[in-house]
């Protein structure tokens, strides 16, 4: 039966899938595109710049929806249990929230510090050999931060699924 609780849970899970799917896309598709050598740096930079800006918008909207629907789900479970949560349940929810804050911090650093630096070097019009060192440094930092971010996101999903059994 379709209830408000079901709709909120669906929104929460769908938004998580979109957000984490976007992180995977950025890590596995977009960032590797920055390695390819092409003579049209400006074309590549405009595509990547557009994708990064669009992802930032979707990402922050997703974070807001995830936080609101997650809070609603927590309140709903609390009402069902008379706010009598087990210590394990509280620990898992607190861990999920802490990991979410770390993921948001990493993503913020990437989105507002590392990616704009790479895009500005791409759009500068320099030939590949002239920009390789500083550009690759930004790209490698972004990739190195993306892997733990995705692992943490997987852990948050696992913890969320384990809440059903607490």
N, C-alpha and C. Protein backbone atom coordinates (compact mmCIF):
# COMPACT_ATOMS: atom_id res chain seq x y z
N UNK A 1 0.84 -1.18 0.00
CA UNK A 1 0.00 0.00 0.00
C UNK A 1 0.88 1.24 0.00
N UNK A 2 0.51 2.21 -0.80
CA UNK A 2 1.28 3.44 -0.92
C UNK A 2 0.92 4.39 0.21
N UNK A 3 1.89 4.66 1.06
CA UNK A 3 1.68 5.58 2.18
C UNK A 3 2.69 6.71 2.10
N UNK A 4 2.46 7.73 2.90
CA UNK A 4 3.40 8.85 2.95
C UNK A 4 4.78 8.36 3.40
N UNK A 5 4.80 7.45 4.34
CA UNK A 5 6.06 6.86 4.83
C UNK A 5 6.80 6.16 3.69
N UNK A 6 6.08 5.42 2.86
CA UNK A 6 6.68 4.71 1.73
C UNK A 6 7.23 5.69 0.70
N UNK A 7 6.50 6.75 0.45
CA UNK A 7 6.95 7.76 -0.51
C UNK A 7 8.23 8.43 -0.02
N UNK A 8 8.28 8.77 1.25
CA UNK A 8 9.48 9.41 1.82
C UNK A 8 10.67 8.45 1.76
N UNK A 9 10.44 7.19 2.09
CA UNK A 9 11.52 6.20 2.02
C UNK A 9 12.00 6.04 0.58
N UNK A 10 11.08 5.99 -0.36
CA UNK A 10 11.43 5.91 -1.79
C UNK A 10 12.26 7.12 -2.20
N UNK A 11 11.82 8.32 -1.79
CA UNK A 11 12.58 9.54 -2.12
C UNK A 11 13.99 9.46 -1.56
N UNK A 12 14.10 9.00 -0.33
CA UNK A 12 15.41 8.91 0.34
C UNK A 12 16.33 7.96 -0.43
N UNK A 13 15.85 6.77 -0.72
CA UNK A 13 16.68 5.77 -1.38
C UNK A 13 17.01 6.17 -2.82
N UNK A 14 16.04 6.73 -3.53
CA UNK A 14 16.29 7.17 -4.90
C UNK A 14 17.32 8.30 -4.94
N UNK A 15 17.20 9.23 -4.03
CA UNK A 15 18.14 10.35 -3.99
C UNK A 15 19.54 9.88 -3.63
N UNK A 16 19.64 8.94 -2.72
CA UNK A 16 20.95 8.36 -2.38
C UNK A 16 21.56 7.70 -3.62
N UNK A 17 20.74 6.95 -4.37
CA UNK A 17 21.24 6.29 -5.58
C UNK A 17 21.71 7.31 -6.61
N UNK A 18 20.97 8.38 -6.79
CA UNK A 18 21.35 9.42 -7.75
C UNK A 18 22.64 10.09 -7.31
N UNK A 19 22.75 10.45 -6.04
CA UNK A 19 23.93 11.15 -5.53
C UNK A 19 25.17 10.27 -5.64
N UNK A 20 25.08 9.05 -5.16
CA UNK A 20 26.25 8.18 -5.20
C UNK A 20 26.54 7.75 -6.63
N UNK A 21 25.51 7.55 -7.43
CA UNK A 21 25.73 7.27 -8.85
C UNK A 21 26.48 8.39 -9.54
N UNK A 22 26.15 9.63 -9.19
CA UNK A 22 26.87 10.78 -9.73
C UNK A 22 28.32 10.79 -9.30
N UNK A 23 28.58 10.38 -8.05
CA UNK A 23 29.97 10.31 -7.58
C UNK A 23 30.74 9.27 -8.39
N UNK A 24 30.10 8.13 -8.63
CA UNK A 24 30.74 7.08 -9.45
C UNK A 24 31.00 7.59 -10.86
N UNK A 25 30.05 8.30 -11.43
CA UNK A 25 30.23 8.85 -12.78
C UNK A 25 31.42 9.81 -12.81
N UNK A 26 31.48 10.71 -11.83
CA UNK A 26 32.58 11.67 -11.80
C UNK A 26 33.92 10.93 -11.68
N UNK A 27 33.97 9.90 -10.84
CA UNK A 27 35.22 9.19 -10.58
C UNK A 27 35.62 8.25 -11.72
N UNK A 28 34.65 7.54 -12.27
CA UNK A 28 34.98 6.49 -13.24
C UNK A 28 34.87 6.93 -14.69
N UNK A 29 34.17 8.05 -14.97
CA UNK A 29 33.99 8.49 -16.34
C UNK A 29 34.61 9.86 -16.57
N UNK A 30 34.18 10.85 -15.81
CA UNK A 30 34.59 12.23 -16.07
C UNK A 30 36.06 12.49 -15.78
N UNK A 31 36.53 12.09 -14.60
CA UNK A 31 37.93 12.34 -14.27
C UNK A 31 38.90 11.60 -15.19
N UNK A 32 38.62 10.35 -15.57
CA UNK A 32 39.52 9.70 -16.53
C UNK A 32 39.54 10.40 -17.89
N UNK A 33 38.45 11.08 -18.26
CA UNK A 33 38.45 11.83 -19.52
C UNK A 33 39.52 12.92 -19.51
N UNK A 34 39.86 13.38 -18.32
CA UNK A 34 40.86 14.43 -18.21
C UNK A 34 42.26 13.94 -18.55
N UNK A 35 42.44 12.64 -18.58
CA UNK A 35 43.74 12.07 -18.93
C UNK A 35 43.96 12.04 -20.43
N UNK A 36 42.88 12.00 -21.19
CA UNK A 36 43.04 11.81 -22.63
C UNK A 36 43.73 13.02 -23.24
N UNK A 37 44.59 12.75 -24.19
CA UNK A 37 45.29 13.83 -24.87
C UNK A 37 44.49 14.20 -26.12
N UNK A 38 44.14 15.41 -26.20
CA UNK A 38 43.36 15.89 -27.33
C UNK A 38 43.82 17.29 -27.69
N UNK A 39 43.61 17.66 -28.91
CA UNK A 39 44.02 18.99 -29.32
C UNK A 39 42.96 20.03 -28.98
N UNK A 40 41.77 19.60 -28.63
CA UNK A 40 40.70 20.55 -28.33
C UNK A 40 40.47 20.64 -26.83
N UNK A 41 41.43 21.22 -26.12
CA UNK A 41 41.33 21.37 -24.67
C UNK A 41 40.12 22.20 -24.29
N UNK A 42 39.83 23.22 -25.07
CA UNK A 42 38.70 24.09 -24.72
C UNK A 42 37.37 23.36 -24.81
N UNK A 43 37.23 22.49 -25.83
CA UNK A 43 36.00 21.70 -25.93
C UNK A 43 35.86 20.77 -24.73
N UNK A 44 36.94 20.09 -24.38
CA UNK A 44 36.93 19.18 -23.24
C UNK A 44 36.65 19.95 -21.96
N UNK A 45 37.28 21.11 -21.79
CA UNK A 45 37.08 21.87 -20.56
C UNK A 45 35.65 22.38 -20.45
N UNK A 46 35.02 22.76 -21.57
CA UNK A 46 33.64 23.24 -21.48
C UNK A 46 32.68 22.11 -21.13
N UNK A 47 32.93 20.91 -21.66
CA UNK A 47 32.08 19.77 -21.33
C UNK A 47 32.24 19.42 -19.85
N UNK A 48 33.48 19.36 -19.39
CA UNK A 48 33.73 19.00 -18.00
C UNK A 48 33.23 20.10 -17.06
N UNK A 49 33.44 21.36 -17.43
CA UNK A 49 32.95 22.46 -16.61
C UNK A 49 31.43 22.39 -16.47
N UNK A 50 30.74 22.13 -17.57
CA UNK A 50 29.28 22.01 -17.51
C UNK A 50 28.83 20.85 -16.65
N UNK A 51 29.52 19.71 -16.79
CA UNK A 51 29.15 18.53 -16.00
C UNK A 51 29.40 18.76 -14.52
N UNK A 52 30.52 19.39 -14.18
CA UNK A 52 30.84 19.65 -12.78
C UNK A 52 29.82 20.61 -12.17
N UNK A 53 29.50 21.68 -12.87
CA UNK A 53 28.52 22.65 -12.34
C UNK A 53 27.15 22.01 -12.17
N UNK A 54 26.75 21.19 -13.13
CA UNK A 54 25.44 20.52 -13.03
C UNK A 54 25.45 19.53 -11.88
N UNK A 55 26.55 18.78 -11.74
CA UNK A 55 26.62 17.82 -10.65
C UNK A 55 26.61 18.51 -9.30
N UNK A 56 27.28 19.66 -9.19
CA UNK A 56 27.27 20.39 -7.93
C UNK A 56 25.85 20.77 -7.54
N UNK A 57 25.07 21.24 -8.50
CA UNK A 57 23.69 21.62 -8.22
C UNK A 57 22.89 20.40 -7.78
N UNK A 58 22.96 19.34 -8.55
CA UNK A 58 22.21 18.12 -8.22
C UNK A 58 22.69 17.56 -6.89
N UNK A 59 23.99 17.61 -6.66
CA UNK A 59 24.58 17.04 -5.46
C UNK A 59 24.07 17.75 -4.20
N UNK A 60 24.07 19.06 -4.20
CA UNK A 60 23.62 19.78 -3.01
C UNK A 60 22.13 19.63 -2.78
N UNK A 61 21.36 19.56 -3.87
CA UNK A 61 19.93 19.29 -3.72
C UNK A 61 19.72 17.89 -3.14
N UNK A 62 20.50 16.93 -3.62
CA UNK A 62 20.40 15.56 -3.11
C UNK A 62 20.76 15.49 -1.63
N UNK A 63 21.81 16.18 -1.23
CA UNK A 63 22.20 16.18 0.18
C UNK A 63 21.07 16.73 1.04
N UNK A 64 20.45 17.80 0.60
CA UNK A 64 19.33 18.38 1.34
C UNK A 64 18.16 17.40 1.46
N UNK A 65 17.81 16.76 0.35
CA UNK A 65 16.71 15.79 0.37
C UNK A 65 17.05 14.60 1.25
N UNK A 66 18.28 14.13 1.15
CA UNK A 66 18.72 12.98 1.97
C UNK A 66 18.63 13.32 3.45
N UNK A 67 19.09 14.50 3.82
CA UNK A 67 19.04 14.89 5.24
C UNK A 67 17.60 15.02 5.73
N UNK A 68 16.75 15.66 4.94
CA UNK A 68 15.35 15.85 5.35
C UNK A 68 14.58 14.53 5.42
N UNK A 69 14.72 13.71 4.38
CA UNK A 69 14.00 12.43 4.39
C UNK A 69 14.58 11.47 5.42
N UNK A 70 15.89 11.54 5.64
CA UNK A 70 16.50 10.71 6.68
C UNK A 70 16.00 11.11 8.06
N UNK A 71 15.87 12.40 8.30
CA UNK A 71 15.32 12.87 9.58
C UNK A 71 13.87 12.43 9.73
N UNK A 72 13.10 12.54 8.67
CA UNK A 72 11.71 12.08 8.72
C UNK A 72 11.66 10.59 9.02
N UNK A 73 12.50 9.80 8.35
CA UNK A 73 12.51 8.35 8.60
C UNK A 73 12.89 8.04 10.04
N UNK A 74 13.85 8.78 10.58
CA UNK A 74 14.27 8.57 11.97
C UNK A 74 13.13 8.90 12.94
N UNK A 75 12.44 10.00 12.68
CA UNK A 75 11.30 10.38 13.53
C UNK A 75 10.19 9.34 13.41
N UNK A 76 9.95 8.88 12.20
CA UNK A 76 8.90 7.88 12.00
C UNK A 76 9.20 6.59 12.75
N UNK A 77 10.45 6.13 12.67
CA UNK A 77 10.84 4.92 13.41
C UNK A 77 10.72 5.18 14.91
N UNK A 78 11.10 6.38 15.33
CA UNK A 78 10.98 6.74 16.74
C UNK A 78 9.53 6.69 17.22
N UNK A 79 8.62 7.20 16.41
CA UNK A 79 7.20 7.16 16.78
C UNK A 79 6.69 5.72 16.87
N UNK A 80 7.15 4.87 15.97
CA UNK A 80 6.74 3.46 16.00
C UNK A 80 7.27 2.74 17.23
N UNK A 81 8.43 3.17 17.72
CA UNK A 81 9.08 2.49 18.86
C UNK A 81 8.99 3.30 20.14
N UNK A 82 8.16 4.31 20.16
CA UNK A 82 8.05 5.23 21.31
C UNK A 82 9.41 5.82 21.68
N UNK A 83 10.22 6.08 20.68
CA UNK A 83 11.57 6.64 20.82
C UNK A 83 12.43 5.82 21.78
N UNK A 84 12.18 4.53 21.79
CA UNK A 84 12.95 3.61 22.61
C UNK A 84 13.92 2.86 21.69
N UNK A 85 15.02 3.55 21.34
CA UNK A 85 16.01 2.98 20.42
C UNK A 85 17.04 2.17 21.19
N UNK A 86 17.50 1.11 20.59
CA UNK A 86 18.58 0.34 21.20
C UNK A 86 19.89 1.12 21.04
N UNK A 87 20.85 0.77 21.85
CA UNK A 87 22.16 1.43 21.77
C UNK A 87 22.80 1.18 20.41
N UNK A 88 22.61 -0.02 19.88
CA UNK A 88 23.17 -0.36 18.56
C UNK A 88 22.55 0.52 17.47
N UNK A 89 21.26 0.74 17.53
CA UNK A 89 20.57 1.57 16.55
C UNK A 89 21.10 3.00 16.59
N UNK A 90 21.22 3.56 17.77
CA UNK A 90 21.72 4.92 17.93
C UNK A 90 23.16 5.03 17.43
N UNK A 91 23.96 4.03 17.72
CA UNK A 91 25.35 4.01 17.28
C UNK A 91 25.44 4.00 15.75
N UNK A 92 24.62 3.18 15.12
CA UNK A 92 24.63 3.10 13.65
C UNK A 92 24.19 4.41 13.03
N UNK A 93 23.13 5.00 13.54
CA UNK A 93 22.64 6.28 13.00
C UNK A 93 23.69 7.37 13.18
N UNK A 94 24.32 7.42 14.34
CA UNK A 94 25.37 8.42 14.59
C UNK A 94 26.56 8.21 13.65
N UNK A 95 26.94 6.96 13.44
CA UNK A 95 28.05 6.65 12.53
C UNK A 95 27.70 7.06 11.11
N UNK A 96 26.47 6.75 10.67
CA UNK A 96 26.03 7.14 9.33
C UNK A 96 26.11 8.66 9.16
N UNK A 97 25.64 9.39 10.15
CA UNK A 97 25.65 10.85 10.07
C UNK A 97 27.08 11.39 10.04
N UNK A 98 27.96 10.84 10.86
CA UNK A 98 29.35 11.26 10.89
C UNK A 98 30.03 11.00 9.54
N UNK A 99 29.80 9.81 8.97
CA UNK A 99 30.38 9.48 7.67
C UNK A 99 29.81 10.37 6.57
N UNK A 100 28.54 10.70 6.67
CA UNK A 100 27.92 11.61 5.70
C UNK A 100 28.60 12.98 5.74
N UNK A 101 28.90 13.45 6.92
CA UNK A 101 29.60 14.74 7.05
C UNK A 101 30.99 14.67 6.41
N UNK A 102 31.69 13.58 6.59
CA UNK A 102 33.01 13.41 5.97
C UNK A 102 32.89 13.39 4.45
N UNK A 103 31.91 12.66 3.92
CA UNK A 103 31.69 12.61 2.48
C UNK A 103 31.39 14.00 1.93
N UNK A 104 30.54 14.74 2.61
CA UNK A 104 30.20 16.10 2.16
C UNK A 104 31.44 16.99 2.20
N UNK A 105 32.27 16.85 3.22
CA UNK A 105 33.49 17.66 3.30
C UNK A 105 34.44 17.35 2.15
N UNK A 106 34.63 16.08 1.86
CA UNK A 106 35.51 15.69 0.75
C UNK A 106 34.95 16.22 -0.56
N UNK A 107 33.66 16.03 -0.76
CA UNK A 107 33.05 16.48 -2.01
C UNK A 107 33.13 18.00 -2.15
N UNK A 108 32.95 18.72 -1.07
CA UNK A 108 33.06 20.18 -1.11
C UNK A 108 34.46 20.62 -1.51
N UNK A 109 35.46 19.98 -0.92
CA UNK A 109 36.85 20.31 -1.26
C UNK A 109 37.13 20.04 -2.73
N UNK A 110 36.64 18.89 -3.21
CA UNK A 110 36.84 18.56 -4.63
C UNK A 110 36.11 19.54 -5.53
N UNK A 111 34.86 19.80 -5.22
CA UNK A 111 34.02 20.62 -6.10
C UNK A 111 34.43 22.08 -6.14
N UNK A 112 34.86 22.61 -5.02
CA UNK A 112 35.13 24.04 -4.96
C UNK A 112 36.60 24.40 -4.93
N UNK A 113 37.48 23.39 -4.87
CA UNK A 113 38.91 23.68 -4.84
C UNK A 113 39.64 22.97 -5.98
N UNK A 114 39.56 21.65 -6.02
CA UNK A 114 40.35 20.89 -6.98
C UNK A 114 39.81 20.97 -8.41
N UNK A 115 38.52 20.70 -8.60
CA UNK A 115 37.97 20.68 -9.96
C UNK A 115 38.05 22.04 -10.66
N UNK A 116 37.74 23.15 -9.99
CA UNK A 116 37.91 24.44 -10.68
C UNK A 116 39.36 24.70 -11.10
N UNK A 117 40.33 24.24 -10.30
CA UNK A 117 41.73 24.40 -10.67
C UNK A 117 42.08 23.62 -11.92
N UNK A 118 41.54 22.41 -12.02
CA UNK A 118 41.79 21.61 -13.23
C UNK A 118 41.14 22.25 -14.45
N UNK A 119 39.92 22.71 -14.28
CA UNK A 119 39.19 23.29 -15.41
C UNK A 119 39.87 24.57 -15.89
N UNK A 120 40.36 25.38 -14.95
CA UNK A 120 41.04 26.61 -15.37
C UNK A 120 42.32 26.29 -16.14
N UNK A 121 43.00 25.23 -15.78
CA UNK A 121 44.22 24.85 -16.52
C UNK A 121 43.87 24.28 -17.89
N UNK A 122 42.75 23.57 -17.97
CA UNK A 122 42.30 23.06 -19.27
C UNK A 122 41.91 24.19 -20.21
N UNK A 123 41.19 25.17 -19.68
CA UNK A 123 40.67 26.24 -20.53
C UNK A 123 41.71 27.31 -20.83
N UNK A 124 42.89 27.20 -20.21
CA UNK A 124 43.93 28.20 -20.47
C UNK A 124 44.48 28.09 -21.88
N UNK A 125 44.21 26.95 -22.53
CA UNK A 125 44.65 26.78 -23.91
C UNK A 125 46.07 26.30 -24.05
N UNK A 126 46.73 26.03 -22.93
CA UNK A 126 48.10 25.51 -23.01
C UNK A 126 48.10 24.15 -23.68
N UNK A 127 49.19 23.82 -24.30
CA UNK A 127 49.35 22.48 -24.87
C UNK A 127 49.57 21.50 -23.72
N UNK A 128 49.29 20.25 -23.94
CA UNK A 128 49.39 19.24 -22.90
C UNK A 128 50.72 19.21 -22.17
N UNK A 129 51.88 19.19 -22.84
CA UNK A 129 53.13 19.10 -22.10
C UNK A 129 53.36 20.28 -21.17
N UNK A 130 52.86 21.46 -21.53
CA UNK A 130 53.11 22.65 -20.71
C UNK A 130 52.28 22.63 -19.43
N UNK A 131 51.16 21.92 -19.44
CA UNK A 131 50.30 21.95 -18.27
C UNK A 131 50.27 20.62 -17.53
N UNK A 132 51.05 19.67 -17.93
CA UNK A 132 50.95 18.33 -17.40
C UNK A 132 51.20 18.25 -15.90
N UNK A 133 52.27 18.86 -15.40
CA UNK A 133 52.62 18.69 -14.00
C UNK A 133 51.56 19.23 -13.05
N UNK A 134 51.20 20.50 -13.17
CA UNK A 134 50.23 21.06 -12.24
C UNK A 134 48.84 20.48 -12.46
N UNK A 135 48.49 20.25 -13.70
CA UNK A 135 47.19 19.68 -14.03
C UNK A 135 47.07 18.26 -13.46
N UNK A 136 48.09 17.44 -13.69
CA UNK A 136 48.05 16.07 -13.18
C UNK A 136 48.01 16.03 -11.66
N UNK A 137 48.63 16.99 -11.01
CA UNK A 137 48.61 17.05 -9.55
C UNK A 137 47.16 17.24 -9.07
N UNK A 138 46.42 18.17 -9.69
CA UNK A 138 45.03 18.39 -9.33
C UNK A 138 44.19 17.13 -9.62
N UNK A 139 44.40 16.53 -10.78
CA UNK A 139 43.63 15.35 -11.18
C UNK A 139 43.89 14.18 -10.24
N UNK A 140 45.15 13.95 -9.89
CA UNK A 140 45.50 12.85 -9.00
C UNK A 140 44.94 13.07 -7.60
N UNK A 141 44.98 14.30 -7.11
CA UNK A 141 44.40 14.59 -5.80
C UNK A 141 42.90 14.32 -5.79
N UNK A 142 42.25 14.73 -6.86
CA UNK A 142 40.82 14.51 -6.96
C UNK A 142 40.50 13.03 -6.99
N UNK A 143 41.25 12.28 -7.78
CA UNK A 143 41.04 10.83 -7.86
C UNK A 143 41.33 10.15 -6.52
N UNK A 144 42.40 10.57 -5.84
CA UNK A 144 42.74 9.97 -4.56
C UNK A 144 41.67 10.22 -3.50
N UNK A 145 41.02 11.36 -3.57
CA UNK A 145 39.95 11.65 -2.62
C UNK A 145 38.64 10.97 -3.02
N UNK A 146 38.46 10.69 -4.30
CA UNK A 146 37.22 10.08 -4.77
C UNK A 146 37.08 8.63 -4.29
N UNK A 147 38.17 7.92 -4.23
CA UNK A 147 38.10 6.51 -3.84
C UNK A 147 37.63 6.33 -2.40
N UNK A 148 38.23 7.02 -1.42
CA UNK A 148 37.71 6.86 -0.05
C UNK A 148 36.28 7.40 0.09
N UNK A 149 35.96 8.44 -0.68
CA UNK A 149 34.61 8.98 -0.63
C UNK A 149 33.59 7.93 -1.07
N UNK A 150 33.90 7.21 -2.13
CA UNK A 150 33.00 6.16 -2.60
C UNK A 150 32.95 4.98 -1.63
N UNK A 151 34.07 4.64 -1.03
CA UNK A 151 34.07 3.57 -0.03
C UNK A 151 33.23 3.95 1.18
N UNK A 152 33.35 5.19 1.62
CA UNK A 152 32.54 5.66 2.74
C UNK A 152 31.05 5.66 2.38
N UNK A 153 30.74 6.05 1.15
CA UNK A 153 29.34 6.04 0.70
C UNK A 153 28.80 4.60 0.71
N UNK A 154 29.60 3.65 0.28
CA UNK A 154 29.17 2.25 0.34
C UNK A 154 28.94 1.78 1.76
N UNK A 155 29.79 2.23 2.67
CA UNK A 155 29.63 1.88 4.09
C UNK A 155 28.36 2.49 4.66
N UNK A 156 28.05 3.73 4.27
CA UNK A 156 26.83 4.38 4.74
C UNK A 156 25.61 3.60 4.25
N UNK A 157 25.64 3.15 3.01
CA UNK A 157 24.52 2.36 2.49
C UNK A 157 24.39 1.05 3.27
N UNK A 158 25.51 0.40 3.51
CA UNK A 158 25.48 -0.84 4.28
C UNK A 158 24.90 -0.61 5.67
N UNK A 159 25.34 0.46 6.34
CA UNK A 159 24.83 0.76 7.67
C UNK A 159 23.33 1.05 7.63
N UNK A 160 22.90 1.77 6.60
CA UNK A 160 21.48 2.06 6.46
C UNK A 160 20.65 0.80 6.30
N UNK A 161 21.16 -0.13 5.51
CA UNK A 161 20.45 -1.40 5.34
C UNK A 161 20.44 -2.22 6.62
N UNK A 162 21.51 -2.11 7.42
CA UNK A 162 21.56 -2.88 8.66
C UNK A 162 20.60 -2.33 9.71
N UNK A 163 20.13 -1.10 9.56
CA UNK A 163 19.19 -0.54 10.53
C UNK A 163 17.87 -1.31 10.54
N UNK A 164 17.51 -1.89 9.42
CA UNK A 164 16.26 -2.65 9.34
C UNK A 164 16.22 -3.80 10.33
N UNK A 165 17.40 -4.31 10.68
CA UNK A 165 17.47 -5.49 11.52
C UNK A 165 17.83 -5.17 12.96
N UNK A 166 17.77 -3.91 13.35
CA UNK A 166 18.10 -3.51 14.72
C UNK A 166 16.86 -3.24 15.52
